[in-house]
Amino acid sequence: ASSNVANVDVWKWKLGILLANDSKQVIVFSNKRDRKDYEQISNLAKRMGLEINGKEVFASKVPLPHYRPDLDDKRP
């Protein structure tokens, strides 16, 4: 599979885990390849019933009108 398809497949898996995990609400897109494939990942997330924010590039199970850095996994 091409890099593009492989990356989208990885995000399909990541978003599935997000949906299955009751304690996790948000997943952050972390690299340039995710941004490159954003449109496809966004469509996938929307089909899975997730909110997607393109400005900060994250997917959430709950509607968040603005990015919340306190939910970012990489924030200390």
PDB file of N, CA and C in Angstrom:
ATOM      1  N   ALA A   1       0.841  -1.187   0.000  1.00  0.00           N
ATOM      2  CA  ALA A   1       0.000   0.000   0.000  1.00  0.00           C
ATOM      3  C   ALA A   1       0.875   1.234   0.000  1.00  0.00           C
ATOM      4  N   SER A   2       0.380   2.284  -0.606  1.00  0.00           N
ATOM      5  CA  SER A   2       1.140   3.526  -0.635  1.00  0.00           C
ATOM      6  C   SER A   2       1.195   4.134   0.760  1.00  0.00           C
ATOM      7  N   SER A   3       2.110   5.075   0.924  1.00  0.00           N
ATOM      8  CA  SER A   3       2.264   5.748   2.213  1.00  0.00           C
ATOM      9  C   SER A   3       0.952   6.397   2.634  1.00  0.00           C
ATOM     10  N   ASN A   4       0.255   7.014   1.678  1.00  0.00           N
ATOM     11  CA  ASN A   4      -1.005   7.686   1.954  1.00  0.00           C
ATOM     12  C   ASN A   4      -2.032   6.710   2.498  1.00  0.00           C
ATOM     13  N   VAL A   5      -2.206   5.587   1.838  1.00  0.00           N
ATOM     14  CA  VAL A   5      -3.190   4.591   2.260  1.00  0.00           C
ATOM     15  C   VAL A   5      -2.798   4.000   3.612  1.00  0.00           C
ATOM     16  N   ALA A   6      -1.507   3.728   3.802  1.00  0.00           N
ATOM     17  CA  ALA A   6      -1.040   3.168   5.068  1.00  0.00           C
ATOM     18  C   ALA A   6      -1.302   4.141   6.211  1.00  0.00           C
ATOM     19  N   ASN A   7      -1.069   5.434   6.000  1.00  0.00           N
ATOM     20  CA  ASN A   7      -1.294   6.426   7.046  1.00  0.00           C
ATOM     21  C   ASN A   7      -2.780   6.518   7.394  1.00  0.00           C
ATOM     22  N   VAL A   8      -3.642   6.494   6.408  1.00  0.00           N
ATOM     23  CA  VAL A   8      -5.080   6.548   6.665  1.00  0.00           C
ATOM     24  C   VAL A   8      -5.525   5.284   7.401  1.00  0.00           C
ATOM     25  N   ASP A   9      -4.962   4.141   7.047  1.00  0.00           N
ATOM     26  CA  ASP A   9      -5.279   2.896   7.758  1.00  0.00           C
ATOM     27  C   ASP A   9      -4.855   2.971   9.219  1.00  0.00           C
ATOM     28  N   VAL A  10      -3.703   3.571   9.478  1.00  0.00           N
ATOM     29  CA  VAL A  10      -3.241   3.750  10.862  1.00  0.00           C
ATOM     30  C   VAL A  10      -4.229   4.628  11.621  1.00  0.00           C
ATOM     31  N   TRP A  11      -4.704   5.685  10.969  1.00  0.00           N
ATOM     32  CA  TRP A  11      -5.663   6.570  11.641  1.00  0.00           C
ATOM     33  C   TRP A  11      -7.015   5.903  11.834  1.00  0.00           C
ATOM     34  N   LYS A  12      -7.397   5.013  10.938  1.00  0.00           N
ATOM     35  CA  LYS A  12      -8.635   4.261  11.133  1.00  0.00           C
ATOM     36  C   LYS A  12      -8.522   3.438  12.411  1.00  0.00           C
ATOM     37  N   TRP A  13      -7.362   2.820  12.620  1.00  0.00           N
ATOM     38  CA  TRP A  13      -7.108   2.037  13.824  1.00  0.00           C
ATOM     39  C   TRP A  13      -7.098   2.947  15.056  1.00  0.00           C
ATOM     40  N   LYS A  14      -6.380   4.085  14.985  1.00  0.00           N
ATOM     41  CA  LYS A  14      -6.302   5.012  16.124  1.00  0.00           C
ATOM     42  C   LYS A  14      -7.675   5.556  16.505  1.00  0.00           C
ATOM     43  N   LEU A  15      -8.478   5.922  15.513  1.00  0.00           N
ATOM     44  CA  LEU A  15      -9.808   6.469  15.794  1.00  0.00           C
ATOM     45  C   LEU A  15     -10.724   5.386  16.365  1.00  0.00           C
ATOM     46  N   GLY A  16     -10.557   4.151  15.909  1.00  0.00           N
ATOM     47  CA  GLY A  16     -11.323   3.043  16.474  1.00  0.00           C
ATOM     48  C   GLY A  16     -10.998   2.836  17.945  1.00  0.00           C
ATOM     49  N   ILE A  17      -9.720   2.952  18.287  1.00  0.00           N
ATOM     50  CA  ILE A  17      -9.314   2.832  19.693  1.00  0.00           C
ATOM     51  C   ILE A  17      -9.885   3.990  20.513  1.00  0.00           C
ATOM     52  N   LEU A  18      -9.877   5.190  19.957  1.00  0.00           N
ATOM     53  CA  LEU A  18     -10.463   6.348  20.644  1.00  0.00           C
ATOM     54  C   LEU A  18     -11.934   6.073  20.961  1.00  0.00           C
ATOM     55  N   LEU A  19     -12.660   5.572  19.995  1.00  0.00           N
ATOM     56  CA  LEU A  19     -14.080   5.295  20.210  1.00  0.00           C
ATOM     57  C   LEU A  19     -14.301   4.209  21.270  1.00  0.00           C
ATOM     58  N   ALA A  20     -13.411   3.242  21.313  1.00  0.00           N
ATOM     59  CA  ALA A  20     -13.563   2.130  22.256  1.00  0.00           C
ATOM     60  C   ALA A  20     -13.120   2.481  23.675  1.00  0.00           C
ATOM     61  N   ASN A  21     -12.334   3.530  23.826  1.00  0.00           N
ATOM     62  CA  ASN A  21     -11.775   3.895  25.131  1.00  0.00           C
ATOM     63  C   ASN A  21     -12.662   4.943  25.793  1.00  0.00           C
ATOM     64  N   ASP A  22     -13.381   4.543  26.833  1.00  0.00           N
ATOM     65  CA  ASP A  22     -14.293   5.461  27.509  1.00  0.00           C
ATOM     66  C   ASP A  22     -13.578   6.589  28.243  1.00  0.00           C
ATOM     67  N   SER A  23     -12.318   6.398  28.630  1.00  0.00           N
ATOM     68  CA  SER A  23     -11.625   7.420  29.404  1.00  0.00           C
ATOM     69  C   SER A  23     -10.933   8.463  28.524  1.00  0.00           C
ATOM     70  N   LYS A  24     -10.774   8.195  27.252  1.00  0.00           N
ATOM     71  CA  LYS A  24     -10.085   9.123  26.354  1.00  0.00           C
ATOM     72  C   LYS A  24     -11.109   9.866  25.505  1.00  0.00           C
ATOM     73  N   GLN A  25     -10.960  11.176  25.415  1.00  0.00           N
ATOM     74  CA  GLN A  25     -11.914  11.996  24.685  1.00  0.00           C
ATOM     75  C   GLN A  25     -11.350  12.587  23.389  1.00  0.00           C
ATOM     76  N   VAL A  26     -10.028  12.760  23.319  1.00  0.00           N
ATOM     77  CA  VAL A  26      -9.418  13.485  22.200  1.00  0.00           C
ATOM     78  C   VAL A  26      -8.162  12.760  21.742  1.00  0.00           C
ATOM     79  N   ILE A  27      -7.901  12.827  20.440  1.00  0.00           N
ATOM     80  CA  ILE A  27      -6.646  12.337  19.882  1.00  0.00           C
ATOM     81  C   ILE A  27      -6.083  13.441  18.990  1.00  0.00           C
ATOM     82  N   VAL A  28      -4.795  13.691  19.103  1.00  0.00           N
ATOM     83  CA  VAL A  28      -4.155  14.790  18.380  1.00  0.00           C
ATOM     84  C   VAL A  28      -3.339  14.233  17.225  1.00  0.00           C
ATOM     85  N   PHE A  29      -3.465  14.867  16.065  1.00  0.00           N
ATOM     86  CA  PHE A  29      -2.670  14.517  14.896  1.00  0.00           C
ATOM     87  C   PHE A  29      -1.287  15.104  15.098  1.00  0.00           C
ATOM     88  N   SER A  30      -0.235  14.289  14.983  1.00  0.00           N
ATOM     89  CA  SER A  30       1.060  14.734  15.475  1.00  0.00           C
ATOM     90  C   SER A  30       2.155  14.975  14.442  1.00  0.00           C
ATOM     91  N   ASN A  31       1.968  14.603  13.212  1.00  0.00           N
ATOM     92  CA  ASN A  31       3.092  14.796  12.292  1.00  0.00           C
ATOM     93  C   ASN A  31       2.650  15.361  10.949  1.00  0.00           C
ATOM     94  N   LYS A  32       3.637  15.729  10.132  1.00  0.00           N
ATOM     95  CA  LYS A  32       3.357  16.362   8.841  1.00  0.00           C
ATOM     96  C   LYS A  32       2.571  15.453   7.911  1.00  0.00           C
ATOM     97  N   ARG A  33       2.829  14.144   7.994  1.00  0.00           N
ATOM     98  CA  ARG A  33       2.112  13.215   7.118  1.00  0.00           C
ATOM     99  C   ARG A  33       0.622  13.228   7.438  1.00  0.00           C
ATOM    100  N   ASP A  34       0.278  13.368   8.732  1.00  0.00           N
ATOM    101  CA  ASP A  34      -1.131  13.456   9.113  1.00  0.00           C
ATOM    102  C   ASP A  34      -1.775  14.688   8.496  1.00  0.00           C
ATOM    103  N   ARG A  35      -1.056  15.787   8.505  1.00  0.00           N
ATOM    104  CA  ARG A  35      -1.593  17.026   7.918  1.00  0.00           C
ATOM    105  C   ARG A  35      -1.769  16.879   6.405  1.00  0.00           C
ATOM    106  N   LYS A  36      -0.834  16.173   5.776  1.00  0.00           N
ATOM    107  CA  LYS A  36      -0.925  15.952   4.332  1.00  0.00           C
ATOM    108  C   LYS A  36      -2.157  15.124   3.989  1.00  0.00           C
ATOM    109  N   ASP A  37      -2.455  14.145   4.827  1.00  0.00           N
ATOM    110  CA  ASP A  37      -3.596  13.258   4.602  1.00  0.00           C
ATOM    111  C   ASP A  37      -4.848  13.734   5.338  1.00  0.00           C
ATOM    112  N   TYR A  38      -4.820  14.986   5.798  1.00  0.00           N
ATOM    113  CA  TYR A  38      -5.894  15.495   6.647  1.00  0.00           C
ATOM    114  C   TYR A  38      -7.280  15.300   6.046  1.00  0.00           C
ATOM    115  N   GLU A  39      -7.449  15.593   4.779  1.00  0.00           N
ATOM    116  CA  GLU A  39      -8.783  15.503   4.169  1.00  0.00           C
ATOM    117  C   GLU A  39      -9.347  14.082   4.268  1.00  0.00           C
ATOM    118  N   GLN A  40      -8.525  13.097   3.980  1.00  0.00           N
ATOM    119  CA  GLN A  40      -8.990  11.712   4.063  1.00  0.00           C
ATOM    120  C   GLN A  40      -9.236  11.291   5.506  1.00  0.00           C
ATOM    121  N   ILE A  41      -8.343  11.700   6.409  1.00  0.00           N
ATOM    122  CA  ILE A  41      -8.520  11.378   7.825  1.00  0.00           C
ATOM    123  C   ILE A  41      -9.768  12.072   8.369  1.00  0.00           C
ATOM    124  N   SER A  42      -9.988  13.307   7.947  1.00  0.00           N
ATOM    125  CA  SER A  42     -11.171  14.062   8.370  1.00  0.00           C
ATOM    126  C   SER A  42     -12.452  13.364   7.927  1.00  0.00           C
ATOM    127  N   ASN A  43     -12.488  12.938   6.677  1.00  0.00           N
ATOM    128  CA  ASN A  43     -13.670  12.226   6.172  1.00  0.00           C
ATOM    129  C   ASN A  43     -13.903  10.936   6.944  1.00  0.00           C
ATOM    130  N   LEU A  44     -12.832  10.212   7.231  1.00  0.00           N
ATOM    131  CA  LEU A  44     -12.926   8.981   8.005  1.00  0.00           C
ATOM    132  C   LEU A  44     -13.482   9.269   9.401  1.00  0.00           C
ATOM    133  N   ALA A  45     -12.926  10.271  10.074  1.00  0.00           N
ATOM    134  CA  ALA A  45     -13.374  10.617  11.428  1.00  0.00           C
ATOM    135  C   ALA A  45     -14.853  11.003  11.427  1.00  0.00           C
ATOM    136  N   LYS A  46     -15.263  11.781  10.461  1.00  0.00           N
ATOM    137  CA  LYS A  46     -16.672  12.200  10.378  1.00  0.00           C
ATOM    138  C   LYS A  46     -17.588  10.996  10.162  1.00  0.00           C
ATOM    139  N   ARG A  47     -17.160  10.055   9.323  1.00  0.00           N
ATOM    140  CA  ARG A  47     -17.957   8.838   9.098  1.00  0.00           C
ATOM    141  C   ARG A  47     -18.073   8.006  10.369  1.00  0.00           C
ATOM    142  N   MET A  48     -17.071   8.111  11.245  1.00  0.00           N
ATOM    143  CA  MET A  48     -17.078   7.364  12.501  1.00  0.00           C
ATOM    144  C   MET A  48     -17.826   8.120  13.602  1.00  0.00           C
ATOM    145  N   GLY A  49     -18.364   9.304  13.261  1.00  0.00           N
ATOM    146  CA  GLY A  49     -19.145  10.073  14.228  1.00  0.00           C
ATOM    147  C   GLY A  49     -18.320  10.950  15.153  1.00  0.00           C
ATOM    148  N   LEU A  50     -17.105  11.271  14.751  1.00  0.00           N
ATOM    149  CA  LEU A  50     -16.229  12.100  15.568  1.00  0.00           C
ATOM    150  C   LEU A  50     -16.221  13.534  15.068  1.00  0.00           C
ATOM    151  N   GLU A  51     -16.030  14.455  15.990  1.00  0.00           N
ATOM    152  CA  GLU A  51     -15.818  15.861  15.630  1.00  0.00           C
ATOM    153  C   GLU A  51     -14.375  15.985  15.162  1.00  0.00           C
ATOM    154  N   ILE A  52     -14.137  16.842  14.170  1.00  0.00           N
ATOM    155  CA  ILE A  52     -12.775  17.042  13.681  1.00  0.00           C
ATOM    156  C   ILE A  52     -12.505  18.534  13.607  1.00  0.00           C
ATOM    157  N   ASN A  53     -11.323  18.931  14.021  1.00  0.00           N
ATOM    158  CA  ASN A  53     -10.941  20.338  14.000  1.00  0.00           C
ATOM    159  C   ASN A  53      -9.696  20.452  13.150  1.00  0.00           C
ATOM    160  N   GLY A  54      -9.799  21.112  12.023  1.00  0.00           N
ATOM    161  CA  GLY A  54      -8.675  21.232  11.116  1.00  0.00           C
ATOM    162  C   GLY A  54      -7.657  22.272  11.512  1.00  0.00           C
ATOM    163  N   LYS A  55      -8.058  23.261  12.289  1.00  0.00           N
ATOM    164  CA  LYS A  55      -7.125  24.317  12.665  1.00  0.00           C
ATOM    165  C   LYS A  55      -6.016  23.772  13.554  1.00  0.00           C
ATOM    166  N   GLU A  56      -6.374  23.008  14.551  1.00  0.00           N
ATOM    167  CA  GLU A  56      -5.386  22.429  15.459  1.00  0.00           C
ATOM    168  C   GLU A  56      -5.137  20.959  15.147  1.00  0.00           C
ATOM    169  N   VAL A  57      -5.926  20.376  14.298  1.00  0.00           N
ATOM    170  CA  VAL A  57      -5.834  19.005  13.823  1.00  0.00           C
ATOM    171  C   VAL A  57      -5.947  17.988  14.957  1.00  0.00           C
ATOM    172  N   PHE A  58      -7.169  17.813  15.429  1.00  0.00           N
ATOM    173  CA  PHE A  58      -7.451  16.767  16.392  1.00  0.00           C
ATOM    174  C   PHE A  58      -8.848  16.243  16.157  1.00  0.00           C
ATOM    175  N   ALA A  59      -9.116  15.054  16.649  1.00  0.00           N
ATOM    176  CA  ALA A  59     -10.444  14.450  16.562  1.00  0.00           C
ATOM    177  C   ALA A  59     -10.940  14.254  17.981  1.00  0.00           C
ATOM    178  N   SER A  60     -12.244  14.461  18.185  1.00  0.00           N
ATOM    179  CA  SER A  60     -12.812  14.378  19.522  1.00  0.00           C
ATOM    180  C   SER A  60     -14.151  13.674  19.485  1.00  0.00           C
ATOM    181  N   LYS A  61     -14.437  12.935  20.560  1.00  0.00           N
ATOM    182  CA  LYS A  61     -15.745  12.305  20.692  1.00  0.00           C
ATOM    183  C   LYS A  61     -16.803  13.306  21.114  1.00  0.00           C
ATOM    184  N   VAL A  62     -16.382  14.395  21.716  1.00  0.00           N
ATOM    185  CA  VAL A  62     -17.321  15.413  22.189  1.00  0.00           C
ATOM    186  C   VAL A  62     -17.095  16.696  21.407  1.00  0.00           C
ATOM    187  N   PRO A  63     -18.154  17.478  21.167  1.00  0.00           N
ATOM    188  CA  PRO A  63     -17.987  18.726  20.441  1.00  0.00           C
ATOM    189  C   PRO A  63     -17.163  19.723  21.257  1.00  0.00           C
ATOM    190  N   LEU A  64     -16.047  20.150  20.711  1.00  0.00           N
ATOM    191  CA  LEU A  64     -15.210  21.154  21.353  1.00  0.00           C
ATOM    192  C   LEU A  64     -15.058  22.324  20.385  1.00  0.00           C
ATOM    193  N   PRO A  65     -15.646  23.478  20.709  1.00  0.00           N
ATOM    194  CA  PRO A  65     -15.610  24.595  19.770  1.00  0.00           C
ATOM    195  C   PRO A  65     -14.216  25.184  19.587  1.00  0.00           C
ATOM    196  N   HIS A  66     -13.363  25.025  20.591  1.00  0.00           N
ATOM    197  CA  HIS A  66     -12.020  25.581  20.514  1.00  0.00           C
ATOM    198  C   HIS A  66     -11.029  24.546  21.016  1.00  0.00           C
ATOM    199  N   TYR A  67      -9.818  24.644  20.512  1.00  0.00           N
ATOM    200  CA  TYR A  67      -8.765  23.732  20.965  1.00  0.00           C
ATOM    201  C   TYR A  67      -8.530  23.903  22.462  1.00  0.00           C
ATOM    202  N   ARG A  68      -8.371  22.785  23.156  1.00  0.00           N
ATOM    203  CA  ARG A  68      -8.125  22.819  24.601  1.00  0.00           C
ATOM    204  C   ARG A  68      -6.773  22.172  24.869  1.00  0.00           C
ATOM    205  N   PRO A  69      -5.750  22.978  25.053  1.00  0.00           N
ATOM    206  CA  PRO A  69      -4.415  22.408  25.256  1.00  0.00           C
ATOM    207  C   PRO A  69      -4.329  21.486  26.455  1.00  0.00           C
ATOM    208  N   ASP A  70      -5.228  21.645  27.421  1.00  0.00           N
ATOM    209  CA  ASP A  70      -5.193  20.759  28.587  1.00  0.00           C
ATOM    210  C   ASP A  70      -5.564  19.328  28.228  1.00  0.00           C
ATOM    211  N   LEU A  71      -6.131  19.115  27.037  1.00  0.00           N
ATOM    212  CA  LEU A  71      -6.467  17.763  26.597  1.00  0.00           C
ATOM    213  C   LEU A  71      -5.391  17.176  25.671  1.00  0.00           C
ATOM    214  N   ASP A  72      -4.366  17.932  25.382  1.00  0.00           N
ATOM    215  CA  ASP A  72      -3.302  17.490  24.501  1.00  0.00           C
ATOM    216  C   ASP A  72      -2.385  16.528  25.250  1.00  0.00           C
ATOM    217  N   ASP A  73      -2.222  15.311  24.722  1.00  0.00           N
ATOM    218  CA  ASP A  73      -1.404  14.276  25.367  1.00  0.00           C
ATOM    219  C   ASP A  73       0.050  14.707  25.580  1.00  0.00           C
ATOM    220  N   LYS A  74       0.569  15.547  24.695  1.00  0.00           N
ATOM    221  CA  LYS A  74       1.976  15.912  24.765  1.00  0.00           C
ATOM    222  C   LYS A  74       2.232  17.079  25.719  1.00  0.00           C
ATOM    223  N   ARG A  75       1.217  17.699  26.206  1.00  0.00           N
ATOM    224  CA  ARG A  75       1.388  18.823  27.118  1.00  0.00           C
ATOM    225  C   ARG A  75       1.772  18.297  28.493  1.00  0.00           C
ATOM    226  N   PRO A  76       2.821  18.864  29.095  1.00  0.00           N
ATOM    227  CA  PRO A  76       3.225  18.383  30.438  1.00  0.00           C
ATOM    228  C   PRO A  76       2.192  18.681  31.500  1.00  0.00           C
TER     229      PRO A  76
END
